[in-house]
Protein backbone atom coordinates (compact mmCIF):
# COMPACT_ATOMS: atom_id res chain seq x y z
CA UNK A 1 -9.40 -6.65 -61.62
CA UNK A 2 -9.55 -7.35 -57.92
CA UNK A 3 -7.70 -5.08 -55.54
CA UNK A 4 -6.68 -6.34 -52.13
CA UNK A 5 -5.08 -4.47 -49.31
CA UNK A 6 -2.83 -5.24 -46.40
CA UNK A 7 -0.88 -3.46 -43.70
CA UNK A 8 2.71 -2.80 -44.78
CA UNK A 9 5.67 -4.62 -43.29
CA UNK A 10 9.21 -3.31 -42.80
CA UNK A 11 10.31 -5.19 -45.91
CA UNK A 12 7.91 -3.05 -47.97
CA UNK A 13 9.96 0.09 -47.26
CA UNK A 14 12.53 -0.13 -50.13
CA UNK A 15 10.06 -0.84 -52.93
CA UNK A 16 7.65 1.81 -51.62
CA UNK A 17 10.48 4.34 -51.41
CA UNK A 18 11.32 3.53 -55.03
CA UNK A 19 7.73 3.88 -56.14
CA UNK A 20 7.36 7.22 -54.38
CA UNK A 21 10.62 8.52 -55.80
CA UNK A 22 9.57 7.69 -59.37
CA UNK A 23 6.08 9.11 -58.87
CA UNK A 24 7.44 12.39 -57.55
CA UNK A 25 10.30 12.67 -59.99
CA UNK A 26 8.58 14.77 -62.69
CA UNK A 27 7.28 17.30 -60.15
CA UNK A 28 10.59 17.58 -58.33
CA UNK A 29 12.55 17.83 -61.57
CA UNK A 30 10.29 20.65 -62.70
CA UNK A 31 11.19 22.48 -59.51
CA UNK A 32 14.85 21.69 -59.94
CA UNK A 33 14.84 19.75 -56.65
CA UNK A 34 15.09 16.09 -57.64
CA UNK A 35 17.79 14.31 -55.62
CA UNK A 36 17.30 10.55 -55.92
CA UNK A 37 18.99 9.76 -52.65
CA UNK A 38 17.25 12.50 -50.68
CA UNK A 39 13.73 11.65 -51.90
CA UNK A 40 14.18 8.01 -50.90
CA UNK A 41 15.79 8.89 -47.54
CA UNK A 42 12.94 11.27 -46.64
CA UNK A 43 10.43 8.51 -47.22
CA UNK A 44 12.43 5.88 -45.32
CA UNK A 45 13.01 8.21 -42.37
CA UNK A 46 9.29 8.65 -41.83
CA UNK A 47 8.00 5.23 -42.98
CA UNK A 48 5.74 3.58 -40.39
CA UNK A 49 4.48 0.17 -41.54
CA UNK A 50 1.56 0.28 -39.11
CA UNK A 51 0.31 3.49 -40.75
CA UNK A 52 0.76 2.29 -44.35
CA UNK A 53 -1.63 0.21 -46.45
CA UNK A 54 -0.32 -1.66 -49.49
CA UNK A 55 -2.73 -2.14 -52.40
CA UNK A 56 -2.27 -5.23 -54.51
């Protein structure tokens, strides 16, 4: 398998927010703190495409 990387673009924000929310879900549920809207909003509020690398 070959992995490539690229700098994120603004259009990457929604799918990355979804990926992060699903990855964090078990941990946040265990703490009783999973709020699907909040976890996505926190990511989107701090998302900076220039500081994000997407692995393909």
